[in-house]
Protein backbone atom coordinates (compact mmCIF):
# COMPACT_ATOMS: atom_id res chain seq x y z
CA MET A 1 14.16 0.45 31.45
CA LYS A 2 14.08 -2.62 29.24
CA GLN A 3 16.69 -3.32 26.58
CA GLY A 4 15.67 -1.64 23.32
CA ASP A 5 13.63 1.18 24.87
CA PHE A 6 14.34 4.78 23.95
CA VAL A 7 15.43 6.09 27.34
CA TRP A 8 16.70 9.63 26.71
CA TYR A 9 16.63 12.40 24.12
CA GLU A 10 19.05 15.25 23.57
CA LEU A 11 18.95 18.45 21.58
CA ALA A 12 22.29 19.82 20.38
CA THR A 13 21.61 23.39 19.33
CA SER A 14 23.34 26.59 18.26
CA ASP A 15 21.38 28.65 20.82
CA PRO A 16 20.35 26.87 24.04
CA ASP A 17 18.61 29.95 25.48
CA ALA A 18 16.40 30.40 22.42
CA ALA A 19 15.77 26.66 22.17
CA GLN A 20 14.72 26.52 25.82
CA ALA A 21 12.25 29.37 25.34
CA PHE A 22 10.82 27.72 22.22
CA TYR A 23 10.29 24.22 23.62
CA GLU A 24 8.91 25.50 26.93
CA GLY A 25 6.45 27.54 24.86
CA ILE A 26 5.13 24.62 22.78
CA SER A 27 5.16 21.75 25.29
CA ALA A 28 4.56 20.80 28.92
CA TRP A 29 8.29 21.00 29.63
CA THR A 30 10.14 23.08 32.15
CA ILE A 31 13.85 23.31 31.36
CA GLU A 32 16.47 24.06 34.00
CA PRO A 33 20.26 23.81 34.44
CA SER A 34 21.55 20.35 35.26
CA GLY A 35 24.36 21.60 37.46
CA MET A 36 26.97 19.59 35.55
CA PRO A 37 30.32 21.29 36.23
CA GLY A 38 31.94 23.04 33.30
CA MET A 39 29.10 22.34 30.88
CA ASP A 40 25.88 24.06 29.83
CA TYR A 41 23.60 21.04 29.99
CA ARG A 42 19.91 21.63 30.69
CA LEU A 43 17.20 19.18 31.69
CA ALA A 44 13.68 19.17 30.24
CA LYS A 45 11.16 17.86 32.75
CA VAL A 46 7.52 16.87 32.94
CA GLY A 47 6.83 17.65 36.56
CA ASP A 48 9.76 16.03 38.36
CA ARG A 49 10.35 13.45 35.60
CA GLN A 50 13.40 14.18 33.43
CA VAL A 51 12.70 13.61 29.72
CA ALA A 52 15.45 15.21 27.65
CA GLY A 53 18.62 17.28 27.62
CA VAL A 54 19.47 20.54 25.85
CA MET A 55 23.07 21.45 25.15
CA PRO A 56 25.19 23.57 22.79
CA ILE A 57 26.71 21.92 19.74
CA MET A 58 30.20 20.73 20.67
CA GLU A 59 33.31 20.64 18.49
CA MET A 60 33.63 16.88 19.00
CA MET A 61 30.19 16.17 17.55
CA GLU A 62 30.06 14.33 14.25
CA ASP A 63 27.23 16.55 12.98
CA LYS A 64 27.43 20.28 13.67
CA ARG A 65 23.84 20.99 12.63
CA PRO A 66 21.16 21.54 15.30
CA SER A 67 19.53 18.15 15.83
CA TRP A 68 17.76 15.82 18.20
CA ARG A 69 19.28 12.45 19.06
CA GLY A 70 17.77 9.45 20.83
CA TYR A 71 19.42 7.11 23.33
CA ILE A 72 18.48 3.42 23.21
CA GLY A 73 18.87 1.54 26.46
CA VAL A 74 21.00 -1.62 26.47
CA ASP A 75 22.28 -4.00 29.12
CA ASP A 76 25.91 -3.82 27.93
CA VAL A 77 27.09 -0.88 25.81
CA ASP A 78 30.46 -2.45 24.98
CA ALA A 79 28.92 -5.70 23.74
CA MET A 80 26.28 -3.86 21.74
CA THR A 81 28.83 -1.71 19.92
CA GLY A 82 30.35 -4.92 18.61
CA LYS A 83 26.95 -6.06 17.39
CA VAL A 84 26.31 -2.68 15.74
CA LYS A 85 29.52 -3.04 13.72
CA ALA A 86 28.82 -6.66 12.84
CA ALA A 87 25.37 -5.67 11.54
CA GLY A 88 26.83 -3.01 9.23
CA GLY A 89 26.49 0.05 11.46
CA ALA A 90 29.28 2.31 12.69
CA VAL A 91 30.47 3.49 16.10
CA HIS A 92 31.67 7.10 15.99
CA PHE A 93 32.46 7.67 19.66
CA GLY A 94 32.82 5.50 22.73
CA PRO A 95 31.96 3.47 24.56
CA ASP A 96 32.70 6.04 27.25
CA ASP A 97 31.48 6.93 30.72
CA ILE A 98 29.59 9.99 31.92
CA PRO A 99 30.55 10.13 35.60
CA MET A 100 27.61 9.37 37.90
CA VAL A 101 25.28 9.09 34.88
CA GLY A 102 26.12 6.05 32.76
CA ARG A 103 27.97 4.61 29.78
CA PHE A 104 27.20 5.52 26.18
CA ALA A 105 28.29 5.27 22.56
CA VAL A 106 27.47 7.30 19.43
CA CYS A 107 26.44 5.14 16.45
CA THR A 108 24.91 5.26 13.00
CA ASP A 109 22.90 2.58 11.29
CA PRO A 110 23.95 1.21 7.86
CA GLN A 111 21.94 3.95 6.11
CA GLY A 112 23.57 6.71 8.19
CA ALA A 113 20.91 7.58 10.81
CA LEU A 114 22.39 8.62 14.15
CA PHE A 115 21.44 6.94 17.42
CA MET A 116 23.02 6.46 20.83
CA LEU A 117 23.50 3.45 23.08
CA PHE A 118 23.14 3.94 26.82
CA ARG A 119 23.22 2.12 30.13
CA GLY A 120 22.46 4.17 33.21
CA ALA A 121 24.56 4.10 36.36
CA GLY A 122 21.61 4.10 38.78
CA GLU A 123 18.00 3.06 38.99
CA PRO A 124 16.11 3.91 35.78
CA ALA A 125 13.32 6.46 35.90
CA PRO A 126 9.79 5.06 35.96
CA ASP A 127 8.15 4.55 32.57
CA LEU A 128 6.29 7.57 31.20
CA ASP A 129 3.03 6.91 29.35
CA PRO A 130 3.57 8.03 25.71
CA ALA A 131 0.20 9.84 25.85
CA THR A 132 1.36 12.10 28.70
CA PRO A 133 1.82 15.71 27.51
CA GLY A 134 5.56 16.30 27.46
CA ALA A 135 6.48 12.66 26.80
CA ILE A 136 8.24 11.78 23.57
CA GLY A 137 5.70 9.29 22.37
CA TRP A 138 6.69 8.47 18.78
CA HIS A 139 9.97 7.72 17.01
CA GLU A 140 10.06 8.00 13.22
CA LEU A 141 12.87 6.92 10.92
CA THR A 142 13.06 8.15 7.34
CA THR A 143 15.71 6.28 5.42
CA SER A 144 16.85 5.13 2.00
CA ASP A 145 15.70 1.55 2.65
CA TRP A 146 13.29 0.99 5.53
CA GLU A 147 13.32 -2.80 5.16
CA ALA A 148 17.10 -2.96 5.57
CA ALA A 149 16.91 -0.50 8.46
CA TRP A 150 14.20 -2.62 10.06
CA SER A 151 16.36 -5.72 9.90
CA PHE A 152 19.18 -3.83 11.60
CA TYR A 153 17.18 -2.43 14.53
CA ALA A 154 14.97 -5.47 15.06
CA GLY A 155 18.01 -7.72 15.03
CA LEU A 156 19.82 -5.64 17.64
CA PHE A 157 17.00 -4.61 19.94
CA GLY A 158 14.16 -7.09 19.43
CA TRP A 159 11.66 -4.54 18.11
CA GLU A 160 8.53 -6.06 16.55
CA LYS A 161 6.47 -5.01 13.54
CA ALA A 162 2.96 -3.66 14.08
CA MET A 163 0.59 -2.10 11.52
CA ALA A 164 1.87 -1.42 8.00
CA VAL A 165 0.23 1.60 6.37
CA ASP A 166 0.01 1.76 2.57
CA MET A 167 0.84 5.34 1.57
CA GLY A 168 0.38 4.83 -2.16
CA ASP A 169 3.22 6.30 -4.20
CA MET A 170 5.15 6.99 -0.98
CA GLY A 171 5.32 3.27 -0.18
CA THR A 172 4.82 1.57 3.16
CA TYR A 173 4.90 3.17 6.59
CA GLN A 174 5.85 0.33 8.90
CA THR A 175 4.97 0.89 12.55
CA PHE A 176 6.64 -1.06 15.33
CA THR A 177 6.47 -1.88 19.01
CA ILE A 178 9.24 -1.83 21.60
CA ASN A 179 8.70 -4.20 24.52
CA GLY A 180 5.01 -4.32 23.70
CA VAL A 181 4.47 -0.54 23.40
CA HIS A 182 3.48 1.01 20.05
CA ALA A 183 6.49 3.28 19.67
CA GLY A 184 7.28 4.39 16.13
CA GLY A 185 7.39 3.96 12.39
CA MET A 186 9.79 3.70 9.46
CA MET A 187 9.49 4.73 5.83
CA THR A 188 11.66 5.05 2.75
CA ALA A 189 12.30 8.65 1.72
CA PRO A 190 14.51 8.72 -1.40
CA GLY A 191 16.93 11.60 -1.62
CA GLN A 192 16.73 12.54 2.06
CA PRO A 193 19.46 11.87 4.63
CA ALA A 194 18.53 8.99 6.92
CA ALA A 195 17.41 10.41 10.26
CA TRP A 196 15.22 9.86 13.30
CA ARG A 197 12.54 12.41 14.21
CA TYR A 198 11.03 12.49 17.69
CA TYR A 199 7.42 13.48 18.48
CA ILE A 200 6.60 15.40 21.65
CA THR A 201 3.12 14.67 22.99
CA VAL A 202 0.95 17.77 23.43
CA ALA A 203 -2.48 18.29 24.99
CA ASP A 204 -3.98 20.25 22.07
CA ILE A 205 -2.56 20.08 18.55
CA ASP A 206 -4.07 23.39 17.40
CA ALA A 207 -2.70 25.27 20.41
CA ALA A 208 0.69 23.67 19.82
CA ALA A 209 0.63 24.57 16.12
CA LYS A 210 -0.08 28.21 16.98
CA ALA A 211 2.71 28.23 19.55
CA ILE A 212 5.10 26.67 17.03
CA GLY A 213 4.34 29.40 14.49
CA ASP A 214 4.45 32.17 17.07
CA GLY A 215 7.76 30.81 18.34
CA GLY A 216 9.48 31.31 15.00
CA ALA A 217 9.67 27.69 13.84
CA THR A 218 8.99 26.42 10.33
CA ILE A 219 5.96 24.15 9.99
CA GLN A 220 6.64 21.54 7.32
CA MET A 221 3.37 19.61 7.68
CA GLY A 222 0.17 19.81 9.66
CA PRO A 223 -1.85 19.80 11.65
CA HIS A 224 -2.48 16.48 9.91
CA GLU A 225 -4.55 13.53 11.13
CA VAL A 226 -2.84 10.14 11.23
CA PRO A 227 -4.28 6.61 11.61
CA GLY A 228 -5.51 6.07 15.14
CA GLY A 229 -6.99 9.54 15.51
CA SER A 230 -3.99 11.57 16.64
CA TRP A 231 -2.90 14.74 14.90
CA ILE A 232 0.68 15.75 14.13
CA VAL A 233 2.72 18.79 13.21
CA MET A 234 6.21 18.38 11.76
CA GLY A 235 8.67 21.24 11.64
CA LEU A 236 12.09 22.78 12.07
CA ASP A 237 12.70 24.65 15.30
CA PRO A 238 14.04 28.22 15.13
CA GLN A 239 17.63 26.93 15.04
CA GLY A 240 16.82 24.38 12.31
CA ALA A 241 16.51 21.12 14.27
CA PRO A 242 13.78 18.76 12.92
CA PHE A 243 11.08 17.96 15.49
CA ALA A 244 7.42 17.03 15.66
CA VAL A 245 4.48 17.11 18.05
CA SER A 246 1.44 14.85 18.29
CA GLY A 247 -1.80 15.06 20.20
CA PRO A 248 -5.58 15.34 20.05
CA LYS A 249 -7.59 17.98 18.24
CA LYS A 250 -9.73 19.75 20.83
CA GLY A 251 -11.80 21.91 18.55
């Protein structure tokens, strides 16, 4: 893990059993109990590599809607929470410890998008190639002001701009790299709540799209080709959490 990397992802859902069945059906994940005492926390894996967690929505959560959240790795959670506040963001919970796991904090950026800070207690997992089926290979922020959001995240985590895509009336889609890896994009979406959406890499976009529909999700867009040759599908899972998949078109 390098500072600024997305290091973990977590689905808070109203129905963990149904969510597990859905995501196992559309991706390369296997999902199994974590064994955490007193808590239904499940681990999504690609082979033996842990990628994400699945858990029920908890009363303490700031947002009770089903949603995905991303954890950004930092060297010092306590110091970074101070920087988040100084840059106009907010800290809603923590810093606090998860015994034997690490230290974290729940934050929002100045436009209101949720993200987490995290420092693990042990050795970090090896990097996972974003093109590996089951990896979360793209991180997309829709916000009321992408340029202000960019200044916030780049200032905190050292992210760097990559290709800017002119989307006509929809404005600019600014892609970015994290520690040299092409990792995501930002765009202004007036009238929508600021939020991150995470893209699960799949081996075949058409097969994934069929599985998404068969699994009871709502497809909002796609399959749609994006610059670089990948294809994407954006949707809401059966419990209403926004998600996306990306991958090649085999046919």
